[in-house]
Amino acid sequence: MKTGRLIMIMATILLVGLLQFSYAQEESATNAKAETNKWLAISAGLAIAIAAFGGAFGQGKAIQAALEGTARNPGSADIIRTMLIIGLAFIESLVIYALVISIILVLVRWV
């Protein structure tokens, strides 16, 4: 419960901190492209950080559940291990998708 409240407070602080940029003065057309590329790089890095955190958290929970299941029923360790490896592959693929999207955002030159 306390971690959820902490996440909400941090998200609110981040939102309020980024709100000030919406009231900034207009830039010239030459600086606008450089500014866009800068924000794309920042958003790509933030997306990778969030995806890596979520993937690591999900993998930790999956491993924890598999270990608890194996401890309760050692006879089903082979089945649990197989399902764990498949689940970890799916979790890791989501992180790789975020990496690919971030690379596309950084490398594609937007108008």
N, C-alpha and C. Protein backbone atom coordinates (compact mmCIF):
# COMPACT_ATOMS: atom_id res chain seq x y z
N MET A 1 0.82 -1.19 0.00
CA MET A 1 0.00 0.00 0.00
C MET A 1 0.86 1.25 0.00
N LYS A 2 1.93 1.21 0.78
CA LYS A 2 2.79 2.38 0.85
C LYS A 2 3.56 2.60 -0.44
N THR A 3 3.93 1.52 -1.12
CA THR A 3 4.67 1.69 -2.38
C THR A 3 3.77 2.28 -3.46
N GLY A 4 2.50 1.91 -3.47
CA GLY A 4 1.56 2.49 -4.43
C GLY A 4 1.39 3.97 -4.22
N ARG A 5 1.32 4.38 -2.98
CA ARG A 5 1.20 5.80 -2.67
C ARG A 5 2.47 6.54 -3.08
N LEU A 6 3.63 5.92 -2.85
CA LEU A 6 4.90 6.54 -3.23
C LEU A 6 5.01 6.69 -4.75
N ILE A 7 4.55 5.69 -5.48
CA ILE A 7 4.58 5.77 -6.94
C ILE A 7 3.66 6.88 -7.43
N MET A 8 2.49 7.02 -6.83
CA MET A 8 1.57 8.09 -7.23
C MET A 8 2.16 9.47 -6.95
N ILE A 9 2.82 9.62 -5.82
CA ILE A 9 3.44 10.90 -5.48
C ILE A 9 4.55 11.22 -6.46
N MET A 10 5.39 10.23 -6.80
CA MET A 10 6.48 10.46 -7.75
C MET A 10 5.94 10.79 -9.14
N ALA A 11 4.87 10.12 -9.56
CA ALA A 11 4.28 10.40 -10.87
C ALA A 11 3.69 11.81 -10.91
N THR A 12 3.06 12.25 -9.81
CA THR A 12 2.52 13.59 -9.75
C THR A 12 3.62 14.63 -9.81
N ILE A 13 4.70 14.41 -9.10
CA ILE A 13 5.83 15.34 -9.13
C ILE A 13 6.41 15.41 -10.53
N LEU A 14 6.54 14.27 -11.20
CA LEU A 14 7.07 14.24 -12.55
C LEU A 14 6.15 14.99 -13.50
N LEU A 15 4.84 14.78 -13.38
CA LEU A 15 3.88 15.45 -14.24
C LEU A 15 3.92 16.96 -14.04
N VAL A 16 3.95 17.40 -12.80
CA VAL A 16 3.99 18.84 -12.51
C VAL A 16 5.31 19.43 -13.00
N GLY A 17 6.40 18.68 -12.87
CA GLY A 17 7.70 19.16 -13.33
C GLY A 17 7.75 19.31 -14.84
N LEU A 18 7.09 18.41 -15.57
CA LEU A 18 7.09 18.49 -17.03
C LEU A 18 6.05 19.46 -17.56
N LEU A 19 5.12 19.88 -16.74
CA LEU A 19 4.07 20.79 -17.18
C LEU A 19 4.62 22.15 -17.54
N GLN A 20 5.72 22.55 -16.93
CA GLN A 20 6.27 23.87 -17.19
C GLN A 20 6.76 24.02 -18.63
N PHE A 21 7.12 22.92 -19.29
CA PHE A 21 7.61 23.01 -20.66
C PHE A 21 6.49 23.33 -21.64
N SER A 22 5.25 23.09 -21.29
CA SER A 22 4.16 23.39 -22.20
C SER A 22 3.90 24.90 -22.29
N TYR A 23 4.39 25.67 -21.35
CA TYR A 23 4.20 27.11 -21.37
C TYR A 23 5.46 27.86 -21.84
N ALA A 24 6.40 27.13 -22.39
CA ALA A 24 7.64 27.75 -22.83
C ALA A 24 7.40 28.57 -24.09
N GLN A 25 8.34 29.47 -24.37
CA GLN A 25 8.25 30.34 -25.53
C GLN A 25 8.47 29.52 -26.80
N GLU A 26 7.82 29.92 -27.89
CA GLU A 26 7.98 29.23 -29.16
C GLU A 26 9.41 29.35 -29.66
N GLU A 27 9.88 28.30 -30.30
CA GLU A 27 11.23 28.31 -30.84
C GLU A 27 11.20 28.50 -32.34
N SER A 28 12.34 28.81 -32.89
CA SER A 28 12.43 28.94 -34.34
C SER A 28 12.36 27.55 -34.98
N ALA A 29 12.14 27.52 -36.28
CA ALA A 29 11.97 26.25 -36.98
C ALA A 29 13.26 25.43 -36.99
N THR A 30 14.41 26.08 -36.97
CA THR A 30 15.68 25.34 -37.01
C THR A 30 15.94 24.63 -35.69
N ASN A 31 15.57 25.25 -34.59
CA ASN A 31 15.80 24.62 -33.29
C ASN A 31 14.72 23.60 -32.95
N ALA A 32 13.59 23.68 -33.63
CA ALA A 32 12.49 22.77 -33.30
C ALA A 32 12.84 21.33 -33.62
N LYS A 33 13.55 21.09 -34.74
CA LYS A 33 13.92 19.73 -35.10
C LYS A 33 14.92 19.16 -34.11
N ALA A 34 15.90 19.96 -33.72
CA ALA A 34 16.87 19.50 -32.73
C ALA A 34 16.20 19.24 -31.39
N GLU A 35 15.26 20.08 -31.04
CA GLU A 35 14.53 19.90 -29.78
C GLU A 35 13.69 18.61 -29.82
N THR A 36 13.06 18.34 -30.96
CA THR A 36 12.27 17.13 -31.10
C THR A 36 13.14 15.89 -30.98
N ASN A 37 14.31 15.91 -31.63
CA ASN A 37 15.21 14.77 -31.55
C ASN A 37 15.71 14.57 -30.13
N LYS A 38 15.94 15.66 -29.40
CA LYS A 38 16.39 15.53 -28.02
C LYS A 38 15.32 14.87 -27.16
N TRP A 39 14.07 15.29 -27.32
CA TRP A 39 13.00 14.72 -26.52
C TRP A 39 12.70 13.27 -26.92
N LEU A 40 12.91 12.95 -28.20
CA LEU A 40 12.75 11.56 -28.61
C LEU A 40 13.80 10.67 -27.96
N ALA A 41 15.02 11.15 -27.87
CA ALA A 41 16.07 10.37 -27.22
C ALA A 41 15.78 10.20 -25.73
N ILE A 42 15.30 11.26 -25.10
CA ILE A 42 14.97 11.18 -23.67
C ILE A 42 13.81 10.20 -23.45
N SER A 43 12.80 10.28 -24.29
CA SER A 43 11.65 9.38 -24.12
C SER A 43 12.02 7.93 -24.41
N ALA A 44 12.94 7.72 -25.36
CA ALA A 44 13.39 6.35 -25.65
C ALA A 44 14.14 5.78 -24.45
N GLY A 45 15.00 6.58 -23.85
CA GLY A 45 15.72 6.12 -22.66
C GLY A 45 14.79 5.84 -21.50
N LEU A 46 13.79 6.69 -21.33
CA LEU A 46 12.82 6.48 -20.26
C LEU A 46 11.99 5.22 -20.52
N ALA A 47 11.64 4.97 -21.77
CA ALA A 47 10.87 3.77 -22.11
C ALA A 47 11.67 2.51 -21.81
N ILE A 48 12.96 2.53 -22.14
CA ILE A 48 13.80 1.37 -21.86
C ILE A 48 13.93 1.16 -20.36
N ALA A 49 14.08 2.24 -19.61
CA ALA A 49 14.21 2.12 -18.15
C ALA A 49 12.95 1.52 -17.54
N ILE A 50 11.79 1.99 -17.97
CA ILE A 50 10.53 1.47 -17.44
C ILE A 50 10.34 0.01 -17.85
N ALA A 51 10.66 -0.31 -19.10
CA ALA A 51 10.51 -1.70 -19.57
C ALA A 51 11.46 -2.63 -18.83
N ALA A 52 12.69 -2.19 -18.60
CA ALA A 52 13.65 -3.04 -17.88
C ALA A 52 13.20 -3.25 -16.44
N PHE A 53 12.69 -2.19 -15.80
CA PHE A 53 12.20 -2.32 -14.43
C PHE A 53 11.01 -3.28 -14.37
N GLY A 54 10.06 -3.11 -15.28
CA GLY A 54 8.90 -3.99 -15.29
C GLY A 54 9.26 -5.43 -15.60
N GLY A 55 10.17 -5.62 -16.54
CA GLY A 55 10.61 -6.97 -16.88
C GLY A 55 11.33 -7.65 -15.72
N ALA A 56 12.22 -6.91 -15.06
CA ALA A 56 12.94 -7.48 -13.92
C ALA A 56 11.99 -7.81 -12.78
N PHE A 57 11.02 -6.92 -12.55
CA PHE A 57 10.04 -7.17 -11.49
C PHE A 57 9.20 -8.40 -11.82
N GLY A 58 8.75 -8.52 -13.07
CA GLY A 58 7.96 -9.67 -13.47
C GLY A 58 8.73 -10.97 -13.42
N GLN A 59 10.00 -10.92 -13.82
CA GLN A 59 10.81 -12.13 -13.76
C GLN A 59 11.07 -12.55 -12.31
N GLY A 60 11.27 -11.59 -11.45
CA GLY A 60 11.47 -11.91 -10.03
C GLY A 60 10.25 -12.57 -9.43
N LYS A 61 9.07 -12.03 -9.76
CA LYS A 61 7.83 -12.63 -9.24
C LYS A 61 7.60 -14.03 -9.81
N ALA A 62 7.93 -14.23 -11.08
CA ALA A 62 7.75 -15.54 -11.70
C ALA A 62 8.69 -16.57 -11.07
N ILE A 63 9.92 -16.18 -10.85
CA ILE A 63 10.87 -17.11 -10.23
C ILE A 63 10.46 -17.42 -8.80
N GLN A 64 9.98 -16.41 -8.10
CA GLN A 64 9.52 -16.63 -6.72
C GLN A 64 8.36 -17.64 -6.70
N ALA A 65 7.42 -17.47 -7.59
CA ALA A 65 6.28 -18.39 -7.62
C ALA A 65 6.70 -19.80 -8.01
N ALA A 66 7.65 -19.90 -8.95
CA ALA A 66 8.12 -21.23 -9.36
C ALA A 66 8.86 -21.93 -8.22
N LEU A 67 9.66 -21.19 -7.49
CA LEU A 67 10.38 -21.79 -6.37
C LEU A 67 9.42 -22.23 -5.26
N GLU A 68 8.40 -21.42 -5.01
CA GLU A 68 7.42 -21.81 -4.00
C GLU A 68 6.64 -23.05 -4.44
N GLY A 69 6.29 -23.12 -5.72
CA GLY A 69 5.58 -24.29 -6.23
C GLY A 69 6.43 -25.54 -6.17
N THR A 70 7.71 -25.41 -6.48
CA THR A 70 8.61 -26.55 -6.41
C THR A 70 8.83 -26.99 -4.97
N ALA A 71 8.89 -26.03 -4.06
CA ALA A 71 9.08 -26.38 -2.65
C ALA A 71 7.86 -27.12 -2.09
N ARG A 72 6.67 -26.76 -2.56
CA ARG A 72 5.46 -27.43 -2.07
C ARG A 72 5.28 -28.81 -2.68
N ASN A 73 5.67 -28.95 -3.95
CA ASN A 73 5.47 -30.21 -4.64
C ASN A 73 6.71 -30.52 -5.48
N PRO A 74 7.73 -31.15 -4.90
CA PRO A 74 8.96 -31.41 -5.65
C PRO A 74 8.78 -32.34 -6.85
N GLY A 75 7.74 -33.11 -6.87
CA GLY A 75 7.50 -34.03 -7.98
C GLY A 75 7.15 -33.32 -9.28
N SER A 76 6.63 -32.13 -9.18
CA SER A 76 6.23 -31.39 -10.39
C SER A 76 7.29 -30.37 -10.80
N ALA A 77 8.53 -30.55 -10.37
CA ALA A 77 9.59 -29.57 -10.66
C ALA A 77 9.85 -29.45 -12.15
N ASP A 78 9.79 -30.55 -12.89
CA ASP A 78 10.07 -30.50 -14.34
C ASP A 78 9.02 -29.67 -15.08
N ILE A 79 7.76 -29.86 -14.74
CA ILE A 79 6.68 -29.11 -15.39
C ILE A 79 6.77 -27.63 -15.03
N ILE A 80 7.02 -27.35 -13.76
CA ILE A 80 7.13 -25.96 -13.32
C ILE A 80 8.31 -25.28 -14.00
N ARG A 81 9.44 -25.98 -14.12
CA ARG A 81 10.62 -25.40 -14.75
C ARG A 81 10.34 -25.07 -16.22
N THR A 82 9.65 -25.97 -16.92
CA THR A 82 9.33 -25.72 -18.32
C THR A 82 8.44 -24.50 -18.48
N MET A 83 7.40 -24.43 -17.65
CA MET A 83 6.50 -23.28 -17.71
C MET A 83 7.21 -21.98 -17.32
N LEU A 84 8.13 -22.07 -16.37
CA LEU A 84 8.89 -20.90 -15.95
C LEU A 84 9.75 -20.37 -17.09
N ILE A 85 10.42 -21.25 -17.80
CA ILE A 85 11.28 -20.82 -18.90
C ILE A 85 10.46 -20.18 -20.02
N ILE A 86 9.30 -20.75 -20.33
CA ILE A 86 8.43 -20.16 -21.34
C ILE A 86 7.95 -18.78 -20.89
N GLY A 87 7.54 -18.66 -19.64
CA GLY A 87 7.08 -17.37 -19.12
C GLY A 87 8.18 -16.33 -19.11
N LEU A 88 9.39 -16.72 -18.73
CA LEU A 88 10.51 -15.78 -18.73
C LEU A 88 10.84 -15.32 -20.15
N ALA A 89 10.70 -16.21 -21.12
CA ALA A 89 10.94 -15.82 -22.51
C ALA A 89 9.92 -14.79 -22.97
N PHE A 90 8.65 -14.97 -22.58
CA PHE A 90 7.63 -13.98 -22.94
C PHE A 90 7.90 -12.63 -22.27
N ILE A 91 8.27 -12.66 -21.02
CA ILE A 91 8.55 -11.41 -20.31
C ILE A 91 9.73 -10.69 -20.96
N GLU A 92 10.78 -11.43 -21.29
CA GLU A 92 11.96 -10.82 -21.89
C GLU A 92 11.66 -10.30 -23.30
N SER A 93 10.75 -10.95 -24.01
CA SER A 93 10.42 -10.47 -25.36
C SER A 93 9.75 -9.09 -25.30
N LEU A 94 8.97 -8.83 -24.27
CA LEU A 94 8.35 -7.52 -24.13
C LEU A 94 9.41 -6.43 -23.93
N VAL A 95 10.45 -6.73 -23.17
CA VAL A 95 11.54 -5.77 -22.97
C VAL A 95 12.28 -5.55 -24.28
N ILE A 96 12.48 -6.60 -25.06
CA ILE A 96 13.16 -6.45 -26.35
C ILE A 96 12.30 -5.63 -27.31
N TYR A 97 10.97 -5.80 -27.28
CA TYR A 97 10.10 -4.97 -28.11
C TYR A 97 10.24 -3.49 -27.74
N ALA A 98 10.33 -3.19 -26.46
CA ALA A 98 10.53 -1.80 -26.04
C ALA A 98 11.87 -1.27 -26.54
N LEU A 99 12.90 -2.11 -26.52
CA LEU A 99 14.21 -1.70 -27.04
C LEU A 99 14.13 -1.40 -28.53
N VAL A 100 13.45 -2.24 -29.29
CA VAL A 100 13.34 -2.02 -30.73
C VAL A 100 12.57 -0.74 -31.03
N ILE A 101 11.49 -0.51 -30.32
CA ILE A 101 10.71 0.72 -30.53
C ILE A 101 11.55 1.94 -30.17
N SER A 102 12.32 1.87 -29.10
CA SER A 102 13.17 3.00 -28.71
C SER A 102 14.25 3.26 -29.75
N ILE A 103 14.83 2.21 -30.29
CA ILE A 103 15.84 2.39 -31.33
C ILE A 103 15.21 3.02 -32.57
N ILE A 104 14.01 2.61 -32.92
CA ILE A 104 13.33 3.21 -34.06
C ILE A 104 13.06 4.68 -33.80
N LEU A 105 12.63 5.04 -32.60
CA LEU A 105 12.37 6.44 -32.28
C LEU A 105 13.63 7.28 -32.39
N VAL A 106 14.75 6.74 -31.97
CA VAL A 106 16.00 7.52 -31.99
C VAL A 106 16.56 7.63 -33.41
N LEU A 107 16.51 6.55 -34.18
CA LEU A 107 17.17 6.54 -35.48
C LEU A 107 16.35 7.17 -36.60
N VAL A 108 15.04 7.13 -36.50
CA VAL A 108 14.21 7.73 -37.55
C VAL A 108 14.20 9.23 -37.36
N ARG A 109 14.52 9.94 -38.42
CA ARG A 109 14.54 11.41 -38.36
C ARG A 109 13.15 11.94 -38.66
N TRP A 110 12.55 12.55 -37.66
CA TRP A 110 11.21 13.08 -37.82
C TRP A 110 11.29 14.47 -38.42
N VAL A 111 10.25 14.87 -39.12
CA VAL A 111 10.22 16.17 -39.79
C VAL A 111 10.12 17.30 -38.81
